[in-house]
C-alpha atoms as a PDB file:
ATOM      1  CA  UNK A   1     -37.295   3.166  -8.082  1.00  0.00           C
ATOM      2  CA  UNK A   2     -35.775   6.642  -8.072  1.00  0.00           C
ATOM      3  CA  UNK A   3     -32.789   7.529  -5.946  1.00  0.00           C
ATOM      4  CA  UNK A   4     -33.149  10.942  -4.294  1.00  0.00           C
ATOM      5  CA  UNK A   5     -29.843  12.624  -3.459  1.00  0.00           C
ATOM      6  CA  UNK A   6     -29.220  15.635  -1.216  1.00  0.00           C
ATOM      7  CA  UNK A   7     -25.912  17.144  -0.102  1.00  0.00           C
ATOM      8  CA  UNK A   8     -25.981  18.240   3.528  1.00  0.00           C
ATOM      9  CA  UNK A   9     -23.595  19.847   5.981  1.00  0.00           C
ATOM     10  CA  UNK A  10     -23.719  17.977   9.300  1.00  0.00           C
ATOM     11  CA  UNK A  11     -21.447  20.462  11.043  1.00  0.00           C
ATOM     12  CA  UNK A  12     -18.522  18.866  12.840  1.00  0.00           C
ATOM     13  CA  UNK A  13     -18.770  15.622  10.851  1.00  0.00           C
ATOM     14  CA  UNK A  14     -18.367  17.551   7.568  1.00  0.00           C
ATOM     15  CA  UNK A  15     -20.501  17.516   4.494  1.00  0.00           C
ATOM     16  CA  UNK A  16     -22.377  14.323   3.671  1.00  0.00           C
ATOM     17  CA  UNK A  17     -24.535  12.888   0.928  1.00  0.00           C
ATOM     18  CA  UNK A  18     -28.008  11.719   1.936  1.00  0.00           C
ATOM     19  CA  UNK A  19     -29.594   9.174  -0.391  1.00  0.00           C
ATOM     20  CA  UNK A  20     -33.169   7.947  -0.099  1.00  0.00           C
ATOM     21  CA  UNK A  21     -35.023   5.266  -2.052  1.00  0.00           C
ATOM     22  CA  UNK A  22     -38.304   3.630  -1.167  1.00  0.00           C
ATOM     23  CA  UNK A  23     -41.330   1.749  -2.334  1.00  0.00           C
ATOM     24  CA  UNK A  24     -39.790  -1.013  -4.450  1.00  0.00           C
ATOM     25  CA  UNK A  25     -40.937  -3.764  -2.050  1.00  0.00           C
ATOM     26  CA  UNK A  26     -44.205  -2.208  -0.986  1.00  0.00           C
ATOM     27  CA  UNK A  27     -45.267   1.126   0.448  1.00  0.00           C
ATOM     28  CA  UNK A  28     -43.439   0.642   3.776  1.00  0.00           C
ATOM     29  CA  UNK A  29     -39.945  -0.188   2.529  1.00  0.00           C
ATOM     30  CA  UNK A  30     -37.148   2.347   2.373  1.00  0.00           C
ATOM     31  CA  UNK A  31     -33.408   2.812   2.210  1.00  0.00           C
ATOM     32  CA  UNK A  32     -31.790   5.862   3.761  1.00  0.00           C
ATOM     33  CA  UNK A  33     -28.032   6.214   3.407  1.00  0.00           C
ATOM     34  CA  UNK A  34     -25.904   8.955   4.928  1.00  0.00           C
ATOM     35  CA  UNK A  35     -22.389   8.871   3.575  1.00  0.00           C
ATOM     36  CA  UNK A  36     -19.437  11.214   3.970  1.00  0.00           C
ATOM     37  CA  UNK A  37     -18.525  12.931   0.718  1.00  0.00           C
ATOM     38  CA  UNK A  38     -15.036  11.433   0.828  1.00  0.00           C
ATOM     39  CA  UNK A  39     -16.620   7.948   0.600  1.00  0.00           C
ATOM     40  CA  UNK A  40     -17.255   8.543  -3.112  1.00  0.00           C
ATOM     41  CA  UNK A  41     -14.740   8.658  -5.929  1.00  0.00           C
ATOM     42  CA  UNK A  42     -17.462  10.527  -7.896  1.00  0.00           C
ATOM     43  CA  UNK A  43     -20.040  12.269  -5.705  1.00  0.00           C
ATOM     44  CA  UNK A  44     -23.549  11.774  -7.136  1.00  0.00           C
ATOM     45  CA  UNK A  45     -25.182  15.054  -8.121  1.00  0.00           C
ATOM     46  CA  UNK A  46     -27.926  16.497  -5.944  1.00  0.00           C
ATOM     47  CA  UNK A  47     -31.324  15.927  -7.547  1.00  0.00           C
ATOM     48  CA  UNK A  48     -33.693  16.628  -4.617  1.00  0.00           C
ATOM     49  CA  UNK A  49     -34.205  18.834  -1.601  1.00  0.00           C
ATOM     50  CA  UNK A  50     -34.278  17.886   2.081  1.00  0.00           C
ATOM     51  CA  UNK A  51     -37.945  18.901   2.065  1.00  0.00           C
ATOM     52  CA  UNK A  52     -38.701  16.340  -0.669  1.00  0.00           C
ATOM     53  CA  UNK A  53     -36.985  13.551   1.262  1.00  0.00           C
ATOM     54  CA  UNK A  54     -38.712  14.708   4.458  1.00  0.00           C
ATOM     55  CA  UNK A  55     -42.138  14.546   2.833  1.00  0.00           C
ATOM     56  CA  UNK A  56     -41.415  11.018   1.548  1.00  0.00           C
ATOM     57  CA  UNK A  57     -40.315   9.948   5.043  1.00  0.00           C
ATOM     58  CA  UNK A  58     -43.466  11.529   6.535  1.00  0.00           C
ATOM     59  CA  UNK A  59     -45.531   8.444   5.676  1.00  0.00           C
ATOM     60  CA  UNK A  60     -43.331   6.480   8.105  1.00  0.00           C
ATOM     61  CA  UNK A  61     -43.759   8.892  11.063  1.00  0.00           C
ATOM     62  CA  UNK A  62     -45.385   7.060  13.964  1.00  0.00           C
ATOM     63  CA  UNK A  63     -44.574   3.619  12.498  1.00  0.00           C
ATOM     64  CA  UNK A  64     -42.438   1.133  14.385  1.00  0.00           C
ATOM     65  CA  UNK A  65     -40.144  -0.474  11.828  1.00  0.00           C
ATOM     66  CA  UNK A  66     -37.278  -2.952  11.795  1.00  0.00           C
ATOM     67  CA  UNK A  67     -34.046  -1.125  11.074  1.00  0.00           C
ATOM     68  CA  UNK A  68     -30.955  -2.734   9.650  1.00  0.00           C
ATOM     69  CA  UNK A  69     -28.242  -0.198  10.372  1.00  0.00           C
ATOM     70  CA  UNK A  70     -24.804  -0.518   8.825  1.00  0.00           C
ATOM     71  CA  UNK A  71     -21.963   1.827   9.660  1.00  0.00           C
ATOM     72  CA  UNK A  72     -18.570   1.849   8.009  1.00  0.00           C
ATOM     73  CA  UNK A  73     -15.554   3.235   9.817  1.00  0.00           C
ATOM     74  CA  UNK A  74     -11.846   3.587   9.063  1.00  0.00           C
ATOM     75  CA  UNK A  75      -9.246   4.131  11.749  1.00  0.00           C
ATOM     76  CA  UNK A  76      -5.562   3.462  12.353  1.00  0.00           C
ATOM     77  CA  UNK A  77      -4.911  -0.071  13.542  1.00  0.00           C
ATOM     78  CA  UNK A  78      -3.088   1.515  16.474  1.00  0.00           C
ATOM     79  CA  UNK A  79      -6.408   3.163  17.468  1.00  0.00           C
ATOM     80  CA  UNK A  80      -7.903  -0.154  18.624  1.00  0.00           C
ATOM     81  CA  UNK A  81      -7.618  -0.936  22.336  1.00  0.00           C
ATOM     82  CA  UNK A  82      -5.536  -3.999  23.226  1.00  0.00           C
ATOM     83  CA  UNK A  83      -8.557  -5.987  24.475  1.00  0.00           C
ATOM     84  CA  UNK A  84     -10.626  -5.356  21.336  1.00  0.00           C
ATOM     85  CA  UNK A  85     -12.702  -8.133  19.724  1.00  0.00           C
ATOM     86  CA  UNK A  86     -11.125  -7.394  16.332  1.00  0.00           C
ATOM     87  CA  UNK A  87      -7.561  -7.756  17.569  1.00  0.00           C
ATOM     88  CA  UNK A  88      -8.601 -10.959  19.362  1.00  0.00           C
ATOM     89  CA  UNK A  89      -9.554 -12.452  15.979  1.00  0.00           C
ATOM     90  CA  UNK A  90      -6.402 -11.374  14.119  1.00  0.00           C
ATOM     91  CA  UNK A  91      -4.362 -14.514  13.671  1.00  0.00           C
ATOM     92  CA  UNK A  92      -0.703 -14.567  12.762  1.00  0.00           C
ATOM     93  CA  UNK A  93       1.356 -17.707  12.578  1.00  0.00           C
ATOM     94  CA  UNK A  94       3.678 -19.888  10.583  1.00  0.00           C
ATOM     95  CA  UNK A  95       4.188 -23.445   9.547  1.00  0.00           C
ATOM     96  CA  UNK A  96       7.844 -24.005   8.864  1.00  0.00           C
ATOM     97  CA  UNK A  97       8.942 -21.121   6.675  1.00  0.00           C
ATOM     98  CA  UNK A  98       5.401 -20.285   5.524  1.00  0.00           C
ATOM     99  CA  UNK A  99       3.904 -17.260   7.253  1.00  0.00           C
ATOM    100  CA  UNK A 100       0.162 -16.694   7.556  1.00  0.00           C
ATOM    101  CA  UNK A 101      -1.560 -13.467   8.608  1.00  0.00           C
ATOM    102  CA  UNK A 102      -5.298 -12.968   8.769  1.00  0.00           C
ATOM    103  CA  UNK A 103      -6.140  -9.631   7.145  1.00  0.00           C
ATOM    104  CA  UNK A 104      -9.960  -9.755   7.190  1.00  0.00           C
ATOM    105  CA  UNK A 105     -12.806 -11.420   9.035  1.00  0.00           C
ATOM    106  CA  UNK A 106     -16.588 -11.543   9.320  1.00  0.00           C
ATOM    107  CA  UNK A 107     -17.880 -11.970  12.854  1.00  0.00           C
ATOM    108  CA  UNK A 108     -21.426 -12.858  13.904  1.00  0.00           C
ATOM    109  CA  UNK A 109     -22.180 -11.207  17.240  1.00  0.00           C
ATOM    110  CA  UNK A 110     -24.612 -12.387  19.925  1.00  0.00           C
ATOM    111  CA  UNK A 111     -25.246 -10.965  23.385  1.00  0.00           C
ATOM    112  CA  UNK A 112     -24.349  -7.374  22.459  1.00  0.00           C
ATOM    113  CA  UNK A 113     -27.823  -5.860  22.182  1.00  0.00           C
ATOM    114  CA  UNK A 114     -28.684  -4.776  18.646  1.00  0.00           C
ATOM    115  CA  UNK A 115     -25.146  -5.413  17.305  1.00  0.00           C
ATOM    116  CA  UNK A 116     -25.332  -8.415  14.994  1.00  0.00           C
ATOM    117  CA  UNK A 117     -22.045  -8.434  13.132  1.00  0.00           C
ATOM    118  CA  UNK A 118     -18.676  -6.900  12.412  1.00  0.00           C
ATOM    119  CA  UNK A 119     -16.629  -7.197   9.260  1.00  0.00           C
ATOM    120  CA  UNK A 120     -13.106  -5.904   9.254  1.00  0.00           C
ATOM    121  CA  UNK A 121     -10.248  -5.759   6.776  1.00  0.00           C
ATOM    122  CA  UNK A 122      -6.731  -4.486   7.203  1.00  0.00           C
ATOM    123  CA  UNK A 123      -5.171  -2.021   4.789  1.00  0.00           C
ATOM    124  CA  UNK A 124      -1.612  -3.252   5.186  1.00  0.00           C
ATOM    125  CA  UNK A 125      -0.120  -0.414   3.133  1.00  0.00           C
ATOM    126  CA  UNK A 126      -1.474   2.278   5.469  1.00  0.00           C
ATOM    127  CA  UNK A 127      -1.911   0.244   8.694  1.00  0.00           C
ATOM    128  CA  UNK A 128      -5.565   1.311   8.764  1.00  0.00           C
ATOM    129  CA  UNK A 129      -8.525  -0.942   9.366  1.00  0.00           C
ATOM    130  CA  UNK A 130     -11.921  -0.831   7.651  1.00  0.00           C
ATOM    131  CA  UNK A 131     -14.705  -1.806  10.034  1.00  0.00           C
ATOM    132  CA  UNK A 132     -18.341  -2.429   9.150  1.00  0.00           C
ATOM    133  CA  UNK A 133     -20.745  -2.665  12.070  1.00  0.00           C
ATOM    134  CA  UNK A 134     -24.249  -4.097  11.547  1.00  0.00           C
ATOM    135  CA  UNK A 135     -27.147  -3.571  13.928  1.00  0.00           C
ATOM    136  CA  UNK A 136     -30.799  -4.660  13.887  1.00  0.00           C
ATOM    137  CA  UNK A 137     -33.466  -3.047  16.012  1.00  0.00           C
ATOM    138  CA  UNK A 138     -37.050  -1.832  16.054  1.00  0.00           C
ATOM    139  CA  UNK A 139     -37.561   1.911  16.229  1.00  0.00           C
ATOM    140  CA  UNK A 140     -40.507   4.255  16.231  1.00  0.00           C
ATOM    141  CA  UNK A 141     -39.953   6.666  13.365  1.00  0.00           C
ATOM    142  CA  UNK A 142     -40.275  10.329  14.305  1.00  0.00           C
ATOM    143  CA  UNK A 143     -38.839  13.622  13.133  1.00  0.00           C
ATOM    144  CA  UNK A 144     -35.538  12.929  14.959  1.00  0.00           C
ATOM    145  CA  UNK A 145     -35.094   9.488  13.365  1.00  0.00           C
ATOM    146  CA  UNK A 146     -31.911  10.271  11.400  1.00  0.00           C
ATOM    147  CA  UNK A 147     -30.199  11.911  14.383  1.00  0.00           C
ATOM    148  CA  UNK A 148     -31.179   8.999  16.645  1.00  0.00           C
ATOM    149  CA  UNK A 149     -29.799   6.395  14.236  1.00  0.00           C
ATOM    150  CA  UNK A 150     -26.519   8.296  13.894  1.00  0.00           C
ATOM    151  CA  UNK A 151     -26.219   8.556  17.669  1.00  0.00           C
ATOM    152  CA  UNK A 152     -27.003   4.853  18.225  1.00  0.00           C
ATOM    153  CA  UNK A 153     -24.445   3.788  15.616  1.00  0.00           C
ATOM    154  CA  UNK A 154     -21.760   6.132  16.941  1.00  0.00           C
ATOM    155  CA  UNK A 155     -22.371   4.965  20.531  1.00  0.00           C
ATOM    156  CA  UNK A 156     -22.230   1.284  19.497  1.00  0.00           C
ATOM    157  CA  UNK A 157     -18.975   1.822  17.614  1.00  0.00           C
ATOM    158  CA  UNK A 158     -17.348   3.750  20.446  1.00  0.00           C
ATOM    159  CA  UNK A 159     -18.469   1.229  23.057  1.00  0.00           C
ATOM    160  CA  UNK A 160     -18.097  -2.100  21.276  1.00  0.00           C
ATOM    161  CA  UNK A 161     -15.144  -1.397  18.991  1.00  0.00           C
ATOM    162  CA  UNK A 162     -13.208   1.301  20.862  1.00  0.00           C
ATOM    163  CA  UNK A 163     -14.132   0.094  24.360  1.00  0.00           C
ATOM    164  CA  UNK A 164     -15.302   3.509  25.591  1.00  0.00           C
ATOM    165  CA  UNK A 165     -17.680   3.474  28.535  1.00  0.00           C
ATOM    166  CA  UNK A 166     -21.097   5.111  28.117  1.00  0.00           C
ATOM    167  CA  UNK A 167     -21.393   8.081  30.474  1.00  0.00           C
ATOM    168  CA  UNK A 168     -25.093   8.551  29.942  1.00  0.00           C
END
């Protein structure tokens, strides 16, 4: 299986690396990753064009497929609202002189639409938190697929993690 890599400028969200691989588990299996350049310690070199990736994705246009969407976010711990599900699971306590602080957790989510799980870990040195949000949903693949997935993930993160209300 070949990994196709393209560097792309997404405007306000800065330059990203788009990676596509498909076909290893049958003709209708694919992986599409969109990662910010600063995610990598060594950015993989571009070896394809957007047109090449687009033509490979074309065989999926019109298909309804199960998507497993994973988004990774980093934000200051102080950026979480007080009534956040992550803060609710952060446990701090002591037994005698022994202190215990929970610095990571994996949560299985039910009743929140396509959101299936959250993993979080605290970077104590910087007081930042790494958050991984997992979603599962069926989607009809069309030419706006990548934009739709980004929007769905961003909306889920803002609503479920940051507690922002959807105005649309």
